Amino acid sequence: MLTVFQAFSQFERDLIVERTREGLKSARARGRKGGRPKVSEKDIQKALNLYHSEEYSVADITKMTGISRATIYRYLESRKEK
């Protein structure tokens, strides 16, 4: 009996996955993109320049630019490696 329930639940899961993929495909056909919007390079550069000026705290920079603290640190780390 447990095997029958497992088969039904797997079938239902497969249906959900198929419908989700069809919905994403339909959205792409209408010109929609998924995910978070990217931060513009201009805004990133502004935030990094403010950070390197050492006049503002990271909290001030996040308020001025609207870029999150984590994003600022992520770009600082990636630019440091180069």
N, C-alpha and C. Protein backbone atom coordinates (compact mmCIF):
# COMPACT_ATOMS: atom_id res chain seq x y z
N MET A 1 0.82 -1.19 0.00
CA MET A 1 0.00 0.00 0.00
C MET A 1 0.87 1.26 0.00
N LEU A 2 1.95 1.22 0.74
CA LEU A 2 2.86 2.36 0.80
C LEU A 2 3.45 2.64 -0.58
N THR A 3 3.70 1.59 -1.34
CA THR A 3 4.26 1.75 -2.68
C THR A 3 3.29 2.49 -3.60
N VAL A 4 2.01 2.24 -3.44
CA VAL A 4 0.99 2.92 -4.25
C VAL A 4 0.97 4.41 -3.93
N PHE A 5 1.05 4.76 -2.65
CA PHE A 5 1.09 6.18 -2.26
C PHE A 5 2.34 6.86 -2.79
N GLN A 6 3.46 6.16 -2.73
CA GLN A 6 4.71 6.71 -3.25
C GLN A 6 4.62 6.95 -4.75
N ALA A 7 3.98 6.03 -5.46
CA ALA A 7 3.82 6.18 -6.91
C ALA A 7 2.95 7.40 -7.22
N PHE A 8 1.86 7.56 -6.47
CA PHE A 8 0.99 8.73 -6.68
C PHE A 8 1.72 10.03 -6.37
N SER A 9 2.46 10.04 -5.29
CA SER A 9 3.16 11.28 -4.92
C SER A 9 4.25 11.61 -5.95
N GLN A 10 4.94 10.62 -6.47
CA GLN A 10 5.95 10.87 -7.50
C GLN A 10 5.29 11.36 -8.79
N PHE A 11 4.15 10.78 -9.14
CA PHE A 11 3.42 11.23 -10.33
C PHE A 11 2.98 12.68 -10.18
N GLU A 12 2.47 13.02 -8.99
CA GLU A 12 2.03 14.39 -8.73
C GLU A 12 3.21 15.36 -8.79
N ARG A 13 4.33 14.97 -8.24
CA ARG A 13 5.53 15.80 -8.28
C ARG A 13 5.99 16.03 -9.72
N ASP A 14 5.96 14.99 -10.51
CA ASP A 14 6.35 15.12 -11.92
C ASP A 14 5.42 16.09 -12.66
N LEU A 15 4.12 16.03 -12.35
CA LEU A 15 3.17 16.96 -12.96
C LEU A 15 3.49 18.41 -12.57
N ILE A 16 3.82 18.63 -11.29
CA ILE A 16 4.15 19.98 -10.84
C ILE A 16 5.40 20.49 -11.53
N VAL A 17 6.41 19.65 -11.66
CA VAL A 17 7.64 20.05 -12.33
C VAL A 17 7.37 20.39 -13.79
N GLU A 18 6.56 19.57 -14.45
CA GLU A 18 6.24 19.80 -15.86
C GLU A 18 5.47 21.11 -16.04
N ARG A 19 4.51 21.36 -15.17
CA ARG A 19 3.74 22.61 -15.27
C ARG A 19 4.62 23.83 -15.00
N THR A 20 5.53 23.70 -14.06
CA THR A 20 6.43 24.81 -13.75
C THR A 20 7.32 25.12 -14.95
N ARG A 21 7.86 24.10 -15.56
CA ARG A 21 8.71 24.30 -16.74
C ARG A 21 7.93 24.93 -17.89
N GLU A 22 6.70 24.48 -18.08
CA GLU A 22 5.87 25.07 -19.14
C GLU A 22 5.58 26.53 -18.85
N GLY A 23 5.31 26.85 -17.58
CA GLY A 23 5.05 28.23 -17.19
C GLY A 23 6.26 29.13 -17.42
N LEU A 24 7.46 28.63 -17.07
CA LEU A 24 8.68 29.40 -17.30
C LEU A 24 8.95 29.59 -18.78
N LYS A 25 8.69 28.55 -19.55
CA LYS A 25 8.88 28.65 -21.00
C LYS A 25 7.91 29.67 -21.60
N SER A 26 6.68 29.65 -21.13
CA SER A 26 5.68 30.61 -21.60
C SER A 26 6.06 32.04 -21.22
N ALA A 27 6.57 32.22 -20.01
CA ALA A 27 6.97 33.56 -19.56
C ALA A 27 8.14 34.06 -20.40
N ARG A 28 9.10 33.19 -20.70
CA ARG A 28 10.24 33.60 -21.54
C ARG A 28 9.77 33.99 -22.94
N ALA A 29 8.77 33.29 -23.45
CA ALA A 29 8.25 33.61 -24.78
C ALA A 29 7.59 34.99 -24.79
N ARG A 30 7.07 35.41 -23.63
CA ARG A 30 6.46 36.73 -23.52
C ARG A 30 7.47 37.81 -23.17
N GLY A 31 8.75 37.43 -23.07
CA GLY A 31 9.79 38.41 -22.80
C GLY A 31 10.11 38.61 -21.33
N ARG A 32 9.63 37.77 -20.48
CA ARG A 32 9.91 37.89 -19.05
C ARG A 32 11.18 37.14 -18.72
N LYS A 33 11.92 37.67 -17.76
CA LYS A 33 13.11 36.99 -17.27
C LYS A 33 12.92 36.69 -15.79
N GLY A 34 13.52 35.64 -15.34
CA GLY A 34 13.42 35.28 -13.93
C GLY A 34 14.61 35.80 -13.16
N GLY A 35 14.54 35.71 -11.85
CA GLY A 35 15.64 36.09 -11.00
C GLY A 35 15.60 37.55 -10.60
N ARG A 36 16.60 37.90 -9.82
CA ARG A 36 16.70 39.28 -9.34
C ARG A 36 17.32 40.15 -10.41
N PRO A 37 16.95 41.40 -10.47
CA PRO A 37 17.58 42.30 -11.43
C PRO A 37 19.02 42.57 -11.04
N LYS A 38 19.88 42.70 -12.01
CA LYS A 38 21.29 42.98 -11.77
C LYS A 38 21.48 44.44 -11.41
N VAL A 39 22.49 44.70 -10.60
CA VAL A 39 22.83 46.07 -10.24
C VAL A 39 23.68 46.63 -11.38
N SER A 40 23.40 47.87 -11.77
CA SER A 40 24.13 48.44 -12.90
C SER A 40 25.59 48.67 -12.54
N GLU A 41 26.44 48.57 -13.53
CA GLU A 41 27.88 48.74 -13.32
C GLU A 41 28.19 50.15 -12.84
N LYS A 42 27.40 51.12 -13.29
CA LYS A 42 27.59 52.51 -12.87
C LYS A 42 27.36 52.65 -11.37
N ASP A 43 26.31 52.02 -10.86
CA ASP A 43 26.01 52.09 -9.43
C ASP A 43 27.08 51.36 -8.61
N ILE A 44 27.55 50.24 -9.13
CA ILE A 44 28.60 49.49 -8.44
C ILE A 44 29.86 50.34 -8.34
N GLN A 45 30.23 50.95 -9.44
CA GLN A 45 31.44 51.78 -9.46
C GLN A 45 31.31 52.96 -8.50
N LYS A 46 30.12 53.56 -8.45
CA LYS A 46 29.88 54.67 -7.53
C LYS A 46 30.07 54.21 -6.09
N ALA A 47 29.50 53.06 -5.75
CA ALA A 47 29.60 52.53 -4.39
C ALA A 47 31.06 52.20 -4.05
N LEU A 48 31.79 51.63 -4.98
CA LEU A 48 33.19 51.29 -4.72
C LEU A 48 34.04 52.55 -4.57
N ASN A 49 33.76 53.56 -5.37
CA ASN A 49 34.50 54.81 -5.23
C ASN A 49 34.23 55.46 -3.87
N LEU A 50 32.98 55.43 -3.44
CA LEU A 50 32.66 55.97 -2.12
C LEU A 50 33.36 55.19 -1.01
N TYR A 51 33.42 53.88 -1.18
CA TYR A 51 34.08 53.04 -0.18
C TYR A 51 35.57 53.35 -0.12
N HIS A 52 36.20 53.47 -1.28
CA HIS A 52 37.64 53.70 -1.32
C HIS A 52 38.01 55.13 -0.90
N SER A 53 37.06 56.04 -0.93
CA SER A 53 37.34 57.40 -0.48
C SER A 53 37.52 57.45 1.04
N GLU A 54 37.04 56.43 1.73
CA GLU A 54 37.13 56.29 3.19
C GLU A 54 36.47 57.45 3.94
N GLU A 55 35.54 58.15 3.29
CA GLU A 55 34.80 59.22 3.95
C GLU A 55 33.45 58.72 4.48
N TYR A 56 32.96 57.62 3.94
CA TYR A 56 31.63 57.13 4.29
C TYR A 56 31.71 55.71 4.82
N SER A 57 30.80 55.37 5.71
CA SER A 57 30.71 54.00 6.19
C SER A 57 29.93 53.17 5.16
N VAL A 58 30.00 51.88 5.32
CA VAL A 58 29.26 51.01 4.40
C VAL A 58 27.76 51.24 4.56
N ALA A 59 27.32 51.51 5.76
CA ALA A 59 25.90 51.79 5.99
C ALA A 59 25.47 53.04 5.23
N ASP A 60 26.33 54.06 5.25
CA ASP A 60 26.01 55.29 4.50
C ASP A 60 25.96 55.01 3.00
N ILE A 61 26.89 54.21 2.53
CA ILE A 61 26.95 53.89 1.09
C ILE A 61 25.70 53.12 0.67
N THR A 62 25.25 52.20 1.51
CA THR A 62 24.04 51.44 1.16
C THR A 62 22.82 52.36 1.09
N LYS A 63 22.76 53.35 1.96
CA LYS A 63 21.64 54.30 1.93
C LYS A 63 21.70 55.19 0.69
N MET A 64 22.91 55.61 0.32
CA MET A 64 23.06 56.51 -0.82
C MET A 64 22.83 55.83 -2.16
N THR A 65 23.30 54.59 -2.28
CA THR A 65 23.25 53.92 -3.58
C THR A 65 22.11 52.92 -3.72
N GLY A 66 21.60 52.43 -2.59
CA GLY A 66 20.55 51.41 -2.66
C GLY A 66 21.09 50.02 -2.89
N ILE A 67 22.41 49.87 -2.81
CA ILE A 67 23.04 48.56 -2.99
C ILE A 67 23.24 47.95 -1.61
N SER A 68 22.95 46.68 -1.46
CA SER A 68 23.05 46.05 -0.16
C SER A 68 24.50 45.90 0.29
N ARG A 69 24.65 45.76 1.58
CA ARG A 69 25.98 45.58 2.19
C ARG A 69 26.67 44.35 1.61
N ALA A 70 25.95 43.26 1.49
CA ALA A 70 26.53 42.02 0.97
C ALA A 70 27.02 42.20 -0.46
N THR A 71 26.26 42.92 -1.27
CA THR A 71 26.66 43.14 -2.66
C THR A 71 27.93 43.98 -2.73
N ILE A 72 28.01 45.01 -1.89
CA ILE A 72 29.22 45.84 -1.88
C ILE A 72 30.43 44.99 -1.52
N TYR A 73 30.32 44.21 -0.47
CA TYR A 73 31.45 43.37 -0.06
C TYR A 73 31.79 42.31 -1.11
N ARG A 74 30.76 41.78 -1.79
CA ARG A 74 31.01 40.78 -2.83
C ARG A 74 31.82 41.40 -3.97
N TYR A 75 31.46 42.60 -4.38
CA TYR A 75 32.21 43.25 -5.46
C TYR A 75 33.60 43.69 -5.00
N LEU A 76 33.73 44.10 -3.75
CA LEU A 76 35.05 44.44 -3.23
C LEU A 76 35.97 43.22 -3.26
N GLU A 77 35.43 42.09 -2.86
CA GLU A 77 36.22 40.86 -2.85
C GLU A 77 36.60 40.42 -4.26
N SER A 78 35.65 40.52 -5.20
CA SER A 78 35.95 40.09 -6.57
C SER A 78 36.94 41.04 -7.25
N ARG A 79 36.89 42.33 -6.93
CA ARG A 79 37.82 43.28 -7.53
C ARG A 79 39.20 43.16 -6.90
N LYS A 80 39.27 42.70 -5.65
CA LYS A 80 40.54 42.54 -4.96
C LYS A 80 41.35 41.41 -5.59
N GLU A 81 40.67 40.36 -6.04
CA GLU A 81 41.35 39.20 -6.63
C GLU A 81 41.99 39.53 -7.96
N LYS A 82 41.44 40.50 -8.67
CA LYS A 82 41.94 40.79 -10.02
C LYS A 82 43.21 41.58 -10.00
